[in-house]
Amino acid sequence: MKHTQYTRRGVLAVGGGIALSGCVGRLGGGERTPSDEGVDGESVSLLLNWNLGGLHAPYVAAREEGFYEAEGFANVELESGDGSDFAANQAGLGNTEFAISSADQILAVNDNELSPRAVGIVMQRNPNVIFADREGFGELADPERLEGATVGSGPGMVRTMAEAYLERYDLLDTIEYVDSGFDTVQQLLAGEIDVAAGVFGDVVDARHQGREIDVLEIHDAVPSYGHLIATEESFAEDNPETVAAFLRATARGTIWAARNPEEAIDHLVDVQPELEETRENQYEKWSEMHAGYVVSETVETEGWGASAPEPWAETRDVLADAGVLESEVDPSEVWTNEYLDGEDEYVSAFADRIDG
């Protein structure tokens, strides 16, 4: 598969894909001075989990506002991905310096004897949800309302997490579970299923079609981490300051994008003009993410990006119970807070700064 490279200077047709070339820089404003603690003119790649969209606002903001440049990076190349599993594998193989993946996939890939490490948690809550169209299903206010419903989801981790949630409430044997593939939202709105399992971005898509959607958050019963920054273990060990600098700039980009959401979406559209057609949708996805998913008790006490042991252990147990893992992968070995700079103002005071 060809992966789209995102920069800010233009679109060049390359074979069957699209490449956008250019260097890290700032759109407007003054010059930035590289940090004394940063890197010296390095170029790195960041493999996204999917195509560029609203949930990737922090990385685009960090680049376009010059925060990566301020840390000394000469270029940060953004590449479109093919899922969190692909991103975790590529990080583990060392084919990209950094990748956006998720806790379940980091565990699964480590189970396959690669060593991607989660070095910064961007999305502190499990992004998986169970949701219903109120017009077609009635109000969905608590899990017990799901009894007797037909629940649809795509394959993979969405289904695994939804089944774990239903099991926690002793509901798995009371519902009819169907595979709705990659058309879950439309099947829900068409009345082909009663309830859908997906991610919060799916809820935004459904609401954009004029529906009133009720949501149950899987994180309430099955804590886990969503988007995170991964890198290969040996790369981090050999380049600790590169990793720390990348995380500092990303934390700063997250704060900036949360406090300037319209401008953050402007940057997205600038590097990927096709997003203008879904601008409002991308805005709402980013708004939902920064309002509800980037701050946690761990972040409030330890700073941006920090992992706590419990969600990792919980995710490992869910995957083991579902038969996803083949070995006794140790959840404490797949993440580290070592490269998070506790003295950096954007990392340490993230929870206070993101709210202004």
Protein backbone atom coordinates (compact mmCIF):
# COMPACT_ATOMS: atom_id res chain seq x y z
CA MET A 1 0.00 0.00 0.00
CA LYS A 2 1.21 3.52 -0.80
CA HIS A 3 1.21 5.90 2.16
CA THR A 4 0.47 9.55 1.70
CA GLN A 5 3.13 11.93 2.97
CA TYR A 6 1.80 15.15 4.42
CA THR A 7 3.69 18.42 4.40
CA ARG A 8 2.59 21.98 3.89
CA ARG A 9 3.95 23.07 0.51
CA GLY A 10 1.79 21.46 -2.13
CA VAL A 11 0.48 18.35 -3.79
CA LEU A 12 2.58 16.38 -6.26
CA ALA A 13 1.19 13.34 -8.08
CA VAL A 14 3.48 10.35 -7.58
CA GLY A 15 2.43 7.09 -9.19
CA GLY A 16 -0.99 6.09 -7.90
CA GLY A 17 -0.71 7.99 -4.64
CA ILE A 18 -0.31 11.56 -3.45
CA ALA A 19 2.88 12.99 -1.97
CA LEU A 20 3.13 16.42 -0.39
CA SER A 21 6.67 17.66 -0.02
CA GLY A 22 8.26 20.33 2.12
CA CYS A 23 10.05 20.96 5.41
CA VAL A 24 8.88 21.65 8.89
CA GLY A 25 8.06 25.30 9.34
CA ARG A 26 5.73 27.96 10.65
CA LEU A 27 2.85 29.52 8.75
CA GLY A 28 3.34 33.18 9.55
CA GLY A 29 4.93 34.61 12.70
CA GLY A 30 8.56 35.06 13.61
CA GLU A 31 11.57 32.80 13.51
CA ARG A 32 11.95 30.07 16.09
CA THR A 33 15.17 29.23 17.88
CA PRO A 34 15.92 25.53 18.40
CA SER A 35 15.79 24.45 22.03
CA ASP A 36 19.09 24.05 23.87
CA GLU A 37 17.79 20.62 24.91
CA GLY A 38 16.49 19.67 21.46
CA VAL A 39 17.98 17.79 18.54
CA ASP A 40 20.33 19.02 15.86
CA GLY A 41 18.63 19.13 12.49
CA GLU A 42 17.20 15.60 12.51
CA SER A 43 14.47 14.48 10.12
CA VAL A 44 11.97 11.91 11.38
CA SER A 45 8.78 10.30 10.16
CA LEU A 46 5.47 9.90 11.98
CA LEU A 47 3.25 7.13 10.63
CA LEU A 48 -0.40 7.89 11.36
CA ASN A 49 -2.87 5.15 12.20
CA TRP A 50 -5.21 6.21 9.36
CA ASN A 51 -5.55 8.98 6.80
CA LEU A 52 -5.06 12.50 8.08
CA GLY A 53 -8.09 13.84 9.96
CA GLY A 54 -9.28 15.82 12.95
CA LEU A 55 -7.85 13.39 15.49
CA HIS A 56 -4.36 14.15 14.15
CA ALA A 57 -4.58 17.89 14.85
CA PRO A 58 -1.83 17.87 17.53
CA TYR A 59 0.92 16.65 15.19
CA VAL A 60 0.00 18.98 12.34
CA ALA A 61 -0.22 21.90 14.78
CA ALA A 62 3.16 21.04 16.29
CA ARG A 63 4.72 21.10 12.85
CA GLU A 64 2.91 24.04 11.29
CA GLU A 65 3.32 26.23 14.37
CA GLY A 66 7.03 25.46 14.45
CA PHE A 67 7.14 23.48 17.69
CA TYR A 68 9.06 20.57 16.17
CA GLU A 69 11.37 23.09 14.55
CA ALA A 70 11.90 24.78 17.91
CA GLU A 71 13.15 21.43 19.22
CA GLY A 72 15.68 21.26 16.40
CA PHE A 73 13.94 18.95 13.91
CA ALA A 74 14.68 19.77 10.29
CA ASN A 75 11.66 17.87 9.02
CA VAL A 76 8.79 15.84 10.42
CA GLU A 77 7.18 13.80 7.67
CA LEU A 78 3.61 12.67 8.28
CA GLU A 79 2.53 9.51 6.49
CA SER A 80 -0.97 8.09 6.20
CA GLY A 81 -1.45 4.66 7.74
CA ASP A 82 -3.45 1.49 7.41
CA GLY A 83 -4.67 0.94 10.95
CA SER A 84 -3.16 0.88 14.43
CA ASP A 85 -1.98 -2.69 13.90
CA PHE A 86 0.01 -1.70 10.82
CA ALA A 87 1.46 1.32 12.64
CA ALA A 88 2.53 -0.77 15.63
CA ASN A 89 4.19 -3.31 13.35
CA GLN A 90 6.06 -0.65 11.39
CA ALA A 91 7.29 0.95 14.60
CA GLY A 92 8.38 -2.44 15.90
CA LEU A 93 10.24 -3.16 12.67
CA GLY A 94 12.01 0.20 12.85
CA ASN A 95 10.56 1.35 9.52
CA THR A 96 9.42 4.65 11.03
CA GLU A 97 10.83 6.62 13.92
CA PHE A 98 7.39 7.28 15.41
CA ALA A 99 3.90 5.86 14.88
CA ILE A 100 0.38 6.47 16.15
CA SER A 101 -1.12 3.25 17.47
CA SER A 102 -3.19 2.03 20.44
CA ALA A 103 -2.64 0.02 23.60
CA ASP A 104 -4.26 -3.17 22.30
CA GLN A 105 -2.10 -3.20 19.17
CA ILE A 106 1.12 -2.46 21.05
CA LEU A 107 0.39 -5.49 23.23
CA ALA A 108 -0.52 -7.65 20.25
CA VAL A 109 2.62 -6.76 18.29
CA ASN A 110 4.86 -7.36 21.30
CA ASP A 111 3.15 -10.73 21.52
CA ASN A 112 4.59 -11.35 18.03
CA GLU A 113 8.15 -10.73 19.25
CA LEU A 114 8.58 -7.19 17.97
CA SER A 115 9.34 -4.41 20.43
CA PRO A 116 7.37 -1.23 19.78
CA ARG A 117 7.19 0.84 22.95
CA ALA A 118 4.49 3.31 23.91
CA VAL A 119 6.37 6.45 24.92
CA GLY A 120 3.49 8.95 25.13
CA ILE A 121 -0.26 8.49 25.56
CA VAL A 122 -2.22 11.02 23.52
CA MET A 123 -5.73 9.62 24.13
CA GLN A 124 -6.05 8.74 27.80
CA ARG A 125 -9.45 7.06 27.52
CA ASN A 126 -10.66 4.04 25.60
CA PRO A 127 -12.21 5.57 22.44
CA ASN A 128 -14.63 2.68 21.92
CA VAL A 129 -18.32 3.33 22.52
CA ILE A 130 -21.72 1.68 22.19
CA PHE A 131 -24.34 3.98 20.71
CA ALA A 132 -27.91 4.11 19.45
CA ASP A 133 -30.17 6.36 17.42
CA ARG A 134 -32.82 7.60 19.83
CA GLU A 135 -35.48 7.84 17.13
CA GLY A 136 -35.07 4.20 16.18
CA PHE A 137 -34.17 2.61 19.52
CA GLY A 138 -35.36 4.94 22.23
CA GLU A 139 -33.17 6.37 24.95
CA LEU A 140 -29.99 4.46 25.76
CA ALA A 141 -29.12 5.67 29.24
CA ASP A 142 -27.61 2.57 30.87
CA PRO A 143 -26.19 -0.82 29.85
CA GLU A 144 -29.25 -2.76 30.99
CA ARG A 145 -31.22 -1.14 28.18
CA LEU A 146 -29.18 -3.28 25.74
CA GLU A 147 -30.83 -6.53 26.80
CA GLY A 148 -32.48 -8.19 23.80
CA ALA A 149 -30.97 -5.74 21.29
CA THR A 150 -29.24 -6.53 18.02
CA VAL A 151 -25.75 -5.04 18.36
CA GLY A 152 -23.53 -4.59 15.33
CA SER A 153 -19.85 -3.79 15.03
CA GLY A 154 -16.98 -4.26 12.68
CA PRO A 155 -14.30 -6.89 13.35
CA GLY A 156 -11.15 -6.52 15.38
CA MET A 157 -10.58 -4.58 18.57
CA VAL A 158 -13.85 -2.66 18.47
CA ARG A 159 -15.71 -5.94 18.74
CA THR A 160 -13.31 -7.31 21.35
CA MET A 161 -13.73 -4.24 23.55
CA ALA A 162 -17.51 -4.17 23.10
CA GLU A 163 -17.81 -7.83 24.03
CA ALA A 164 -15.69 -7.24 27.14
CA TYR A 165 -17.98 -4.34 28.10
CA LEU A 166 -21.10 -6.45 27.63
CA GLU A 167 -19.56 -9.29 29.62
CA ARG A 168 -18.88 -6.93 32.54
CA TYR A 169 -22.60 -6.25 32.74
CA ASP A 170 -23.62 -9.90 32.12
CA LEU A 171 -25.29 -8.90 28.87
CA LEU A 172 -23.30 -10.81 26.26
CA ASP A 173 -25.69 -13.78 26.25
CA THR A 174 -28.77 -11.54 26.13
CA ILE A 175 -28.06 -9.73 22.87
CA GLU A 176 -27.70 -10.72 19.25
CA TYR A 177 -24.23 -9.73 18.04
CA VAL A 178 -23.75 -9.26 14.29
CA ASP A 179 -20.78 -8.27 12.15
CA SER A 180 -21.67 -5.00 10.43
CA GLY A 181 -18.31 -4.67 8.68
CA PHE A 182 -17.21 -1.13 7.94
CA ASP A 183 -20.74 0.18 7.41
CA THR A 184 -21.88 0.18 11.03
CA VAL A 185 -23.10 3.77 11.20
CA GLN A 186 -25.25 3.51 8.10
CA GLN A 187 -26.70 0.17 9.18
CA LEU A 188 -27.66 1.74 12.51
CA LEU A 189 -29.30 4.76 10.91
CA ALA A 190 -31.12 2.52 8.42
CA GLY A 191 -32.58 0.45 11.27
CA GLU A 192 -30.77 -2.73 10.24
CA ILE A 193 -29.25 -3.00 13.72
CA ASP A 194 -30.56 -1.64 17.03
CA VAL A 195 -27.28 -0.58 18.54
CA ALA A 196 -23.76 -0.03 17.20
CA ALA A 197 -20.30 -0.52 18.64
CA GLY A 198 -17.59 1.75 17.29
CA VAL A 199 -15.43 4.70 18.28
CA PHE A 200 -16.49 8.19 19.27
CA GLY A 201 -15.70 9.46 15.78
CA ASP A 202 -18.52 7.24 14.50
CA VAL A 203 -20.89 9.07 16.82
CA VAL A 204 -19.80 12.38 15.31
CA ASP A 205 -20.50 10.95 11.84
CA ALA A 206 -23.98 9.81 12.89
CA ARG A 207 -24.85 13.14 14.47
CA HIS A 208 -23.75 14.89 11.31
CA GLN A 209 -26.60 13.12 9.60
CA GLY A 210 -29.08 14.86 11.86
CA ARG A 211 -29.64 12.08 14.39
CA GLU A 212 -29.86 12.24 18.18
CA ILE A 213 -27.36 9.67 19.39
CA ASP A 214 -27.04 8.24 22.90
CA VAL A 215 -23.66 6.88 23.96
CA LEU A 216 -22.30 4.39 26.50
CA GLU A 217 -18.55 4.72 26.99
CA ILE A 218 -16.70 1.42 27.14
CA HIS A 219 -13.92 3.03 29.19
CA ASP A 220 -16.30 3.17 32.15
CA ALA A 221 -16.06 -0.63 32.42
CA VAL A 222 -12.94 -1.47 30.41
CA PRO A 223 -10.19 1.15 30.87
CA SER A 224 -7.67 1.27 28.04
CA TYR A 225 -5.60 3.77 26.08
CA GLY A 226 -6.46 5.04 22.61
CA HIS A 227 -4.04 6.94 20.37
CA LEU A 228 -0.47 6.81 21.58
CA ILE A 229 3.00 7.50 20.23
CA ALA A 230 5.14 4.42 19.70
CA THR A 231 8.71 3.85 18.66
CA GLU A 232 11.03 0.88 18.47
CA GLU A 233 12.64 0.11 21.82
CA SER A 234 16.23 0.26 20.63
CA PHE A 235 15.65 3.53 18.74
CA ALA A 236 14.44 5.15 21.96
CA GLU A 237 17.37 3.76 23.93
CA ASP A 238 19.86 5.00 21.33
CA ASN A 239 18.15 8.38 20.78
CA PRO A 240 16.59 9.40 24.09
CA GLU A 241 16.74 13.13 23.44
CA THR A 242 15.15 12.77 20.01
CA VAL A 243 12.22 10.97 21.60
CA ALA A 244 11.97 13.48 24.47
CA ALA A 245 12.10 16.42 22.04
CA PHE A 246 9.38 14.92 19.84
CA LEU A 247 7.14 14.38 22.85
CA ARG A 248 7.69 17.91 24.18
CA ALA A 249 6.73 19.43 20.84
CA THR A 250 3.69 17.16 20.51
CA ALA A 251 2.44 18.10 23.98
CA ARG A 252 2.80 21.76 23.02
CA GLY A 253 1.00 21.12 19.73
CA THR A 254 -1.87 19.44 21.56
CA ILE A 255 -2.31 22.43 23.85
CA TRP A 256 -2.17 24.86 20.95
CA ALA A 257 -4.68 22.88 18.89
CA ALA A 258 -7.09 22.61 21.83
CA ARG A 259 -6.93 26.36 22.50
CA ASN A 260 -7.09 27.24 18.81
CA PRO A 261 -9.36 24.59 17.27
CA GLU A 262 -10.43 26.58 14.21
CA GLU A 263 -6.84 27.39 13.32
CA ALA A 264 -5.85 23.77 13.96
CA ILE A 265 -8.38 22.63 11.36
CA ASP A 266 -7.08 25.37 9.04
CA HIS A 267 -3.69 23.67 9.22
CA LEU A 268 -5.23 20.28 8.45
CA VAL A 269 -6.97 21.68 5.39
CA ASP A 270 -3.78 23.45 4.31
CA VAL A 271 -1.81 20.19 4.21
CA GLN A 272 -4.73 18.11 2.90
CA PRO A 273 -7.13 20.34 0.91
CA GLU A 274 -9.69 17.55 0.43
CA LEU A 275 -10.55 17.88 4.13
CA GLU A 276 -12.32 21.18 3.38
CA GLU A 277 -15.33 19.09 2.31
CA THR A 278 -15.60 17.57 5.80
CA ARG A 279 -14.23 20.50 7.75
CA GLU A 280 -17.05 20.69 10.31
CA ASN A 281 -16.86 16.95 10.90
CA GLN A 282 -13.08 17.11 11.49
CA TYR A 283 -13.55 20.08 13.82
CA GLU A 284 -16.08 18.20 15.93
CA LYS A 285 -13.94 15.08 16.14
CA TRP A 286 -11.00 17.10 17.37
CA SER A 287 -13.24 19.03 19.78
CA GLU A 288 -14.61 15.77 21.18
CA MET A 289 -11.12 14.36 21.55
CA HIS A 290 -9.49 17.28 23.34
CA ALA A 291 -12.50 17.88 25.58
CA GLY A 292 -12.88 14.32 26.80
CA TYR A 293 -9.88 12.15 25.99
CA VAL A 294 -6.53 13.87 26.54
CA VAL A 295 -6.71 14.59 30.28
CA SER A 296 -6.93 11.99 33.04
CA GLU A 297 -6.01 11.68 36.70
CA THR A 298 -2.63 10.38 35.56
CA VAL A 299 -2.08 13.46 33.38
CA GLU A 300 -3.16 15.77 36.20
CA THR A 301 -0.59 14.27 38.56
CA GLU A 302 2.22 13.19 36.23
CA GLY A 303 1.85 15.32 33.12
CA TRP A 304 0.99 14.87 29.46
CA GLY A 305 1.58 11.50 27.86
CA ALA A 306 2.02 9.50 31.04
CA SER A 307 0.94 5.87 31.30
CA ALA A 308 -0.40 4.20 34.43
CA PRO A 309 -0.06 0.42 34.90
CA GLU A 310 -3.75 -0.39 35.38
CA PRO A 311 -5.13 0.33 31.87
CA TRP A 312 -2.30 -1.70 30.34
CA ALA A 313 -2.99 -4.66 32.62
CA GLU A 314 -6.73 -4.37 31.96
CA THR A 315 -6.19 -4.34 28.20
CA ARG A 316 -3.84 -7.28 28.37
CA ASP A 317 -6.44 -9.31 30.31
CA VAL A 318 -9.20 -8.46 27.81
CA LEU A 319 -7.02 -9.55 24.88
CA ALA A 320 -5.95 -12.73 26.65
CA ASP A 321 -9.56 -13.66 27.48
CA ALA A 322 -10.51 -13.09 23.84
CA GLY A 323 -7.72 -15.38 22.64
CA VAL A 324 -5.92 -12.54 20.83
CA LEU A 325 -2.60 -13.10 22.62
CA GLU A 326 -0.58 -16.26 22.17
CA SER A 327 2.04 -15.65 24.85
CA GLU A 328 2.32 -14.22 28.34
CA VAL A 329 3.30 -10.73 27.21
CA ASP A 330 4.07 -8.57 30.23
CA PRO A 331 1.98 -5.36 30.03
CA SER A 332 4.53 -3.47 32.12
CA GLU A 333 7.21 -4.04 29.48
CA VAL A 334 5.44 -2.40 26.51
CA TRP A 335 5.29 1.19 27.78
CA THR A 336 7.55 3.70 29.48
CA ASN A 337 7.31 7.23 30.89
CA GLU A 338 11.10 7.57 30.77
CA TYR A 339 11.19 9.99 27.84
CA LEU A 340 8.56 12.41 29.13
CA ASP A 341 10.27 15.61 30.26
CA GLY A 342 8.83 16.37 33.68
CA GLU A 343 10.56 19.76 33.72
CA ASP A 344 8.97 20.94 30.48
CA GLU A 345 6.11 23.38 31.07
CA TYR A 346 3.89 21.90 28.35
CA VAL A 347 4.33 18.35 29.63
CA SER A 348 4.21 18.93 33.38
CA ALA A 349 1.43 21.55 33.41
CA PHE A 350 -0.52 20.14 30.48
CA ALA A 351 -3.83 19.73 32.34
CA ASP A 352 -3.80 23.37 33.43
CA ARG A 353 -2.59 24.78 30.13
CA ILE A 354 -5.01 22.97 27.84
CA ASP A 355 -7.91 24.77 29.51
CA GLY A 356 -6.23 28.12 29.05
